Amino acid sequence: MHAKDLAGAVLRVHYRTVRWPFVVIEHQLLPAVLGDDAPARLAYQRVLIECDRVAARVLHDVAVARAVDRLSRRHTATRYALARRQRGKDRHSATILEQHRSVFLERQRRTRTATSQ
C-alpha cells in the first residue's frame, strides 16, 4: 500500500467519523421534529449533499458517492412532490379567482345596464 492510498483511507475514515452525527441528525432527529417537506430539512439535506459530493470527489470514495446519489434522489423527489402540490393549489386558486372575476364582471355589466336605462 502506497502512502497516498494510506492517507486516502485515513481521510475516508475521518470523514465517515465526522459525518456520523449528521447522519444521526438526518435519520433520527429531523424526522421526529420536521416533516419531509420542511424548508429547514430540505436545506439541511442540500448542505449534506454538497458536502458529500465534494468528499466523494476528493477522497475517491464510492460509498459516499452512492450515499450522495440516494440522498439526492430522495431530495429531488421531495422537491418535485412539493412543486406538484403547490401547482395544484395554484390551479385551484386560479379557478376560484376566475369564478369571482366572472361574477364581478357580470354584476358590473348589470349595474352599467341598469344605470344607463
N, C-alpha and C. Protein backbone atom coordinates (compact mmCIF):
# COMPACT_ATOMS: atom_id res chain seq x y z
N MET A 1 0.85 -1.18 0.00
CA MET A 1 0.00 0.00 0.00
C MET A 1 0.90 1.24 0.00
N HIS A 2 0.61 2.14 -0.89
CA HIS A 2 1.38 3.37 -1.01
C HIS A 2 0.94 4.37 0.06
N ALA A 3 1.79 5.33 0.31
CA ALA A 3 1.48 6.36 1.31
C ALA A 3 0.24 7.14 0.89
N LYS A 4 0.08 7.37 -0.41
CA LYS A 4 -1.09 8.10 -0.91
C LYS A 4 -2.37 7.31 -0.63
N ASP A 5 -2.35 6.00 -0.86
CA ASP A 5 -3.50 5.15 -0.60
C ASP A 5 -3.83 5.11 0.90
N LEU A 6 -2.80 5.03 1.70
CA LEU A 6 -2.98 5.01 3.15
C LEU A 6 -3.59 6.33 3.63
N ALA A 7 -3.07 7.42 3.12
CA ALA A 7 -3.59 8.74 3.50
C ALA A 7 -5.06 8.87 3.09
N GLY A 8 -5.38 8.39 1.90
CA GLY A 8 -6.76 8.43 1.44
C GLY A 8 -7.67 7.60 2.32
N ALA A 9 -7.21 6.43 2.71
CA ALA A 9 -8.01 5.56 3.58
C ALA A 9 -8.23 6.22 4.94
N VAL A 10 -7.20 6.84 5.47
CA VAL A 10 -7.33 7.53 6.77
C VAL A 10 -8.30 8.70 6.65
N LEU A 11 -8.20 9.46 5.57
CA LEU A 11 -9.12 10.58 5.37
C LEU A 11 -10.56 10.11 5.22
N ARG A 12 -10.77 8.99 4.52
CA ARG A 12 -12.14 8.46 4.37
C ARG A 12 -12.70 8.05 5.72
N VAL A 13 -11.89 7.42 6.56
CA VAL A 13 -12.34 7.03 7.90
C VAL A 13 -12.67 8.27 8.72
N HIS A 14 -11.82 9.27 8.64
CA HIS A 14 -12.09 10.51 9.37
C HIS A 14 -13.37 11.18 8.87
N TYR A 15 -13.57 11.20 7.58
CA TYR A 15 -14.78 11.82 7.04
C TYR A 15 -16.03 11.08 7.52
N ARG A 16 -15.99 9.76 7.48
CA ARG A 16 -17.15 8.99 7.94
C ARG A 16 -17.39 9.21 9.43
N THR A 17 -16.33 9.34 10.20
CA THR A 17 -16.47 9.60 11.64
C THR A 17 -17.08 10.97 11.88
N VAL A 18 -16.63 11.96 11.14
CA VAL A 18 -17.17 13.31 11.28
C VAL A 18 -18.61 13.37 10.78
N ARG A 19 -18.91 12.64 9.74
CA ARG A 19 -20.24 12.67 9.12
C ARG A 19 -21.28 11.93 9.95
N TRP A 20 -20.87 11.00 10.77
CA TRP A 20 -21.81 10.16 11.53
C TRP A 20 -22.84 10.96 12.32
N PRO A 21 -22.47 11.97 13.11
CA PRO A 21 -23.50 12.72 13.84
C PRO A 21 -24.53 13.38 12.92
N PHE A 22 -24.09 13.81 11.75
CA PHE A 22 -25.01 14.43 10.80
C PHE A 22 -26.01 13.42 10.25
N VAL A 23 -25.56 12.20 10.07
CA VAL A 23 -26.45 11.13 9.62
C VAL A 23 -27.49 10.83 10.70
N VAL A 24 -27.06 10.77 11.94
CA VAL A 24 -27.98 10.53 13.05
C VAL A 24 -29.02 11.65 13.12
N ILE A 25 -28.56 12.88 12.97
CA ILE A 25 -29.50 14.01 12.98
C ILE A 25 -30.50 13.87 11.84
N GLU A 26 -29.99 13.53 10.66
CA GLU A 26 -30.87 13.43 9.49
C GLU A 26 -31.88 12.29 9.62
N HIS A 27 -31.45 11.15 10.13
CA HIS A 27 -32.32 9.98 10.17
C HIS A 27 -33.15 9.86 11.45
N GLN A 28 -32.70 10.44 12.55
CA GLN A 28 -33.40 10.28 13.82
C GLN A 28 -34.09 11.56 14.28
N LEU A 29 -33.36 12.65 14.34
CA LEU A 29 -33.88 13.88 14.91
C LEU A 29 -34.82 14.62 13.97
N LEU A 30 -34.38 14.86 12.75
CA LEU A 30 -35.19 15.65 11.82
C LEU A 30 -36.55 15.03 11.52
N PRO A 31 -36.65 13.72 11.29
CA PRO A 31 -37.98 13.16 11.05
C PRO A 31 -38.93 13.32 12.25
N ALA A 32 -38.38 13.34 13.45
CA ALA A 32 -39.22 13.50 14.64
C ALA A 32 -39.69 14.94 14.81
N VAL A 33 -38.89 15.88 14.34
CA VAL A 33 -39.18 17.30 14.56
C VAL A 33 -39.80 17.95 13.33
N LEU A 34 -39.30 17.60 12.16
CA LEU A 34 -39.74 18.26 10.92
C LEU A 34 -40.32 17.25 9.95
N GLY A 35 -41.25 17.69 9.14
CA GLY A 35 -41.80 16.85 8.09
C GLY A 35 -40.81 16.74 6.94
N ASP A 36 -41.11 15.82 6.02
CA ASP A 36 -40.23 15.63 4.87
C ASP A 36 -40.10 16.88 4.01
N ASP A 37 -41.14 17.68 3.99
CA ASP A 37 -41.14 18.85 3.11
C ASP A 37 -40.83 20.16 3.83
N ALA A 38 -40.34 20.09 5.06
CA ALA A 38 -39.99 21.31 5.79
C ALA A 38 -38.79 21.99 5.14
N PRO A 39 -38.87 23.30 4.94
CA PRO A 39 -37.76 24.00 4.29
C PRO A 39 -36.42 23.83 5.00
N ALA A 40 -36.43 23.80 6.32
CA ALA A 40 -35.18 23.63 7.07
C ALA A 40 -34.56 22.25 6.80
N ARG A 41 -35.42 21.25 6.71
CA ARG A 41 -34.92 19.90 6.44
C ARG A 41 -34.37 19.79 5.02
N LEU A 42 -35.05 20.41 4.06
CA LEU A 42 -34.57 20.40 2.69
C LEU A 42 -33.24 21.13 2.57
N ALA A 43 -33.10 22.24 3.28
CA ALA A 43 -31.83 22.97 3.26
C ALA A 43 -30.72 22.14 3.89
N TYR A 44 -31.02 21.47 4.98
CA TYR A 44 -30.04 20.60 5.65
C TYR A 44 -29.59 19.49 4.70
N GLN A 45 -30.55 18.87 4.03
CA GLN A 45 -30.21 17.81 3.08
C GLN A 45 -29.35 18.36 1.94
N ARG A 46 -29.67 19.55 1.47
CA ARG A 46 -28.89 20.15 0.38
C ARG A 46 -27.43 20.36 0.79
N VAL A 47 -27.23 20.82 2.04
CA VAL A 47 -25.87 21.02 2.54
C VAL A 47 -25.14 19.68 2.62
N LEU A 48 -25.82 18.65 3.13
CA LEU A 48 -25.20 17.32 3.21
C LEU A 48 -24.86 16.79 1.82
N ILE A 49 -25.74 16.99 0.89
CA ILE A 49 -25.49 16.52 -0.47
C ILE A 49 -24.23 17.17 -1.04
N GLU A 50 -24.13 18.49 -0.87
CA GLU A 50 -22.97 19.19 -1.42
C GLU A 50 -21.68 18.78 -0.72
N CYS A 51 -21.72 18.66 0.60
CA CYS A 51 -20.52 18.22 1.35
C CYS A 51 -20.10 16.81 0.94
N ASP A 52 -21.07 15.92 0.84
CA ASP A 52 -20.77 14.55 0.45
C ASP A 52 -20.26 14.47 -0.99
N ARG A 53 -20.83 15.29 -1.85
CA ARG A 53 -20.38 15.28 -3.24
C ARG A 53 -18.91 15.69 -3.34
N VAL A 54 -18.54 16.72 -2.60
CA VAL A 54 -17.13 17.15 -2.59
C VAL A 54 -16.25 16.06 -1.99
N ALA A 55 -16.68 15.47 -0.88
CA ALA A 55 -15.89 14.41 -0.24
C ALA A 55 -15.72 13.21 -1.16
N ALA A 56 -16.79 12.85 -1.87
CA ALA A 56 -16.71 11.71 -2.77
C ALA A 56 -15.68 11.96 -3.88
N ARG A 57 -15.67 13.20 -4.39
CA ARG A 57 -14.70 13.53 -5.44
C ARG A 57 -13.28 13.57 -4.92
N VAL A 58 -13.10 14.26 -3.80
CA VAL A 58 -11.75 14.45 -3.27
C VAL A 58 -11.16 13.14 -2.76
N LEU A 59 -11.99 12.37 -2.07
CA LEU A 59 -11.49 11.13 -1.45
C LEU A 59 -11.63 9.91 -2.35
N HIS A 60 -12.25 10.09 -3.51
CA HIS A 60 -12.49 8.98 -4.43
C HIS A 60 -13.20 7.83 -3.69
N ASP A 61 -14.25 8.20 -2.95
CA ASP A 61 -14.98 7.24 -2.12
C ASP A 61 -16.28 6.85 -2.80
N VAL A 62 -16.36 5.62 -3.25
CA VAL A 62 -17.53 5.12 -3.97
C VAL A 62 -18.74 5.03 -3.04
N ALA A 63 -18.52 4.64 -1.80
CA ALA A 63 -19.64 4.51 -0.84
C ALA A 63 -20.28 5.87 -0.59
N VAL A 64 -19.48 6.90 -0.44
CA VAL A 64 -20.02 8.24 -0.24
C VAL A 64 -20.74 8.71 -1.50
N ALA A 65 -20.20 8.39 -2.66
CA ALA A 65 -20.85 8.76 -3.92
C ALA A 65 -22.23 8.11 -4.03
N ARG A 66 -22.33 6.84 -3.62
CA ARG A 66 -23.63 6.17 -3.64
C ARG A 66 -24.59 6.80 -2.65
N ALA A 67 -24.09 7.16 -1.47
CA ALA A 67 -24.94 7.81 -0.47
C ALA A 67 -25.43 9.16 -0.98
N VAL A 68 -24.56 9.89 -1.66
CA VAL A 68 -24.95 11.18 -2.25
C VAL A 68 -26.04 10.95 -3.28
N ASP A 69 -25.90 9.94 -4.09
CA ASP A 69 -26.89 9.65 -5.12
C ASP A 69 -28.24 9.33 -4.51
N ARG A 70 -28.26 8.50 -3.47
CA ARG A 70 -29.52 8.16 -2.80
C ARG A 70 -30.17 9.39 -2.18
N LEU A 71 -29.38 10.16 -1.43
CA LEU A 71 -29.92 11.35 -0.77
C LEU A 71 -30.39 12.36 -1.80
N SER A 72 -29.65 12.51 -2.87
CA SER A 72 -30.02 13.46 -3.91
C SER A 72 -31.33 13.06 -4.58
N ARG A 73 -31.49 11.77 -4.85
CA ARG A 73 -32.76 11.30 -5.45
C ARG A 73 -33.94 11.55 -4.52
N ARG A 74 -33.77 11.25 -3.25
CA ARG A 74 -34.84 11.47 -2.28
C ARG A 74 -35.17 12.96 -2.16
N HIS A 75 -34.12 13.77 -2.12
CA HIS A 75 -34.29 15.22 -2.02
C HIS A 75 -35.03 15.76 -3.26
N THR A 76 -34.63 15.31 -4.43
CA THR A 76 -35.26 15.75 -5.67
C THR A 76 -36.72 15.31 -5.73
N ALA A 77 -36.99 14.09 -5.34
CA ALA A 77 -38.37 13.59 -5.34
C ALA A 77 -39.24 14.41 -4.40
N THR A 78 -38.72 14.76 -3.25
CA THR A 78 -39.47 15.58 -2.30
C THR A 78 -39.74 16.96 -2.88
N ARG A 79 -38.73 17.55 -3.50
CA ARG A 79 -38.91 18.87 -4.10
C ARG A 79 -39.94 18.85 -5.22
N TYR A 80 -39.90 17.81 -6.06
CA TYR A 80 -40.88 17.70 -7.14
C TYR A 80 -42.29 17.49 -6.59
N ALA A 81 -42.41 16.70 -5.54
CA ALA A 81 -43.72 16.50 -4.91
C ALA A 81 -44.27 17.81 -4.37
N LEU A 82 -43.40 18.59 -3.74
CA LEU A 82 -43.81 19.91 -3.25
C LEU A 82 -44.25 20.81 -4.39
N ALA A 83 -43.49 20.79 -5.47
CA ALA A 83 -43.83 21.63 -6.62
C ALA A 83 -45.17 21.21 -7.23
N ARG A 84 -45.40 19.90 -7.33
CA ARG A 84 -46.69 19.43 -7.86
C ARG A 84 -47.85 19.83 -6.95
N ARG A 85 -47.64 19.69 -5.64
CA ARG A 85 -48.67 20.07 -4.68
C ARG A 85 -48.97 21.57 -4.78
N GLN A 86 -47.92 22.38 -4.88
CA GLN A 86 -48.11 23.83 -4.99
C GLN A 86 -48.80 24.19 -6.30
N ARG A 87 -48.45 23.48 -7.36
CA ARG A 87 -49.09 23.76 -8.65
C ARG A 87 -50.58 23.46 -8.58
N GLY A 88 -50.94 22.38 -7.90
CA GLY A 88 -52.36 22.05 -7.72
C GLY A 88 -53.08 23.14 -6.93
N LYS A 89 -52.42 23.64 -5.88
CA LYS A 89 -53.02 24.74 -5.10
C LYS A 89 -53.17 25.98 -5.95
N ASP A 90 -52.16 26.27 -6.77
CA ASP A 90 -52.22 27.44 -7.64
C ASP A 90 -53.35 27.33 -8.65
N ARG A 91 -53.52 26.14 -9.22
CA ARG A 91 -54.63 25.92 -10.17
C ARG A 91 -55.97 26.13 -9.49
N HIS A 92 -56.10 25.58 -8.29
CA HIS A 92 -57.35 25.73 -7.55
C HIS A 92 -57.62 27.21 -7.26
N SER A 93 -56.60 27.94 -6.83
CA SER A 93 -56.75 29.37 -6.55
C SER A 93 -57.11 30.13 -7.82
N ALA A 94 -56.50 29.77 -8.92
CA ALA A 94 -56.79 30.44 -10.19
C ALA A 94 -58.23 30.18 -10.62
N THR A 95 -58.73 28.97 -10.39
CA THR A 95 -60.11 28.64 -10.73
C THR A 95 -61.08 29.46 -9.90
N ILE A 96 -60.82 29.54 -8.61
CA ILE A 96 -61.68 30.33 -7.72
C ILE A 96 -61.62 31.80 -8.10
N LEU A 97 -60.42 32.30 -8.38
CA LEU A 97 -60.27 33.70 -8.78
C LEU A 97 -61.03 33.98 -10.07
N GLU A 98 -60.98 33.06 -11.02
CA GLU A 98 -61.71 33.24 -12.29
C GLU A 98 -63.21 33.24 -12.05
N GLN A 99 -63.69 32.40 -11.14
CA GLN A 99 -65.13 32.40 -10.82
C GLN A 99 -65.54 33.73 -10.21
N HIS A 100 -64.75 34.22 -9.26
CA HIS A 100 -65.06 35.51 -8.63
C HIS A 100 -65.00 36.64 -9.65
N ARG A 101 -64.04 36.57 -10.55
CA ARG A 101 -63.89 37.60 -11.57
C ARG A 101 -65.11 37.61 -12.49
N SER A 102 -65.58 36.42 -12.89
CA SER A 102 -66.74 36.37 -13.78
C SER A 102 -68.00 36.89 -13.07
N VAL A 103 -68.15 36.57 -11.78
CA VAL A 103 -69.29 37.10 -11.02
C VAL A 103 -69.20 38.62 -10.93
N PHE A 104 -68.00 39.13 -10.64
CA PHE A 104 -67.80 40.57 -10.55
C PHE A 104 -68.12 41.25 -11.88
N LEU A 105 -67.62 40.71 -12.97
CA LEU A 105 -67.85 41.32 -14.28
C LEU A 105 -69.33 41.27 -14.65
N GLU A 106 -70.00 40.19 -14.30
CA GLU A 106 -71.44 40.09 -14.57
C GLU A 106 -72.21 41.14 -13.77
N ARG A 107 -71.87 41.30 -12.50
CA ARG A 107 -72.53 42.33 -11.68
C ARG A 107 -72.24 43.73 -12.22
N GLN A 108 -71.00 43.94 -12.63
CA GLN A 108 -70.62 45.24 -13.17
C GLN A 108 -71.40 45.52 -14.46
N ARG A 109 -71.55 44.51 -15.29
CA ARG A 109 -72.31 44.66 -16.53
C ARG A 109 -73.77 44.99 -16.24
N ARG A 110 -74.36 44.26 -15.25
CA ARG A 110 -75.76 44.52 -14.88
C ARG A 110 -75.93 45.91 -14.32
N THR A 111 -74.97 46.35 -13.51
CA THR A 111 -75.05 47.69 -12.91
C THR A 111 -74.98 48.75 -13.99
N ARG A 112 -74.08 48.58 -14.93
CA ARG A 112 -73.97 49.55 -16.02
C ARG A 112 -75.24 49.59 -16.87
N THR A 113 -75.80 48.40 -17.12
CA THR A 113 -77.02 48.32 -17.91
C THR A 113 -78.16 49.00 -17.16
N ALA A 114 -78.25 48.76 -15.85
CA ALA A 114 -79.32 49.34 -15.05
C ALA A 114 -79.18 50.86 -14.94
N THR A 115 -77.99 51.36 -14.81
CA THR A 115 -77.79 52.81 -14.65
C THR A 115 -77.91 53.54 -15.99
N SER A 116 -77.70 52.87 -17.10
CA SER A 116 -77.79 53.53 -18.40
C SER A 116 -79.24 53.62 -18.89
N GLN A 117 -80.15 52.90 -18.27
CA GLN A 117 -81.55 52.93 -18.70
C GLN A 117 -82.32 54.04 -18.09
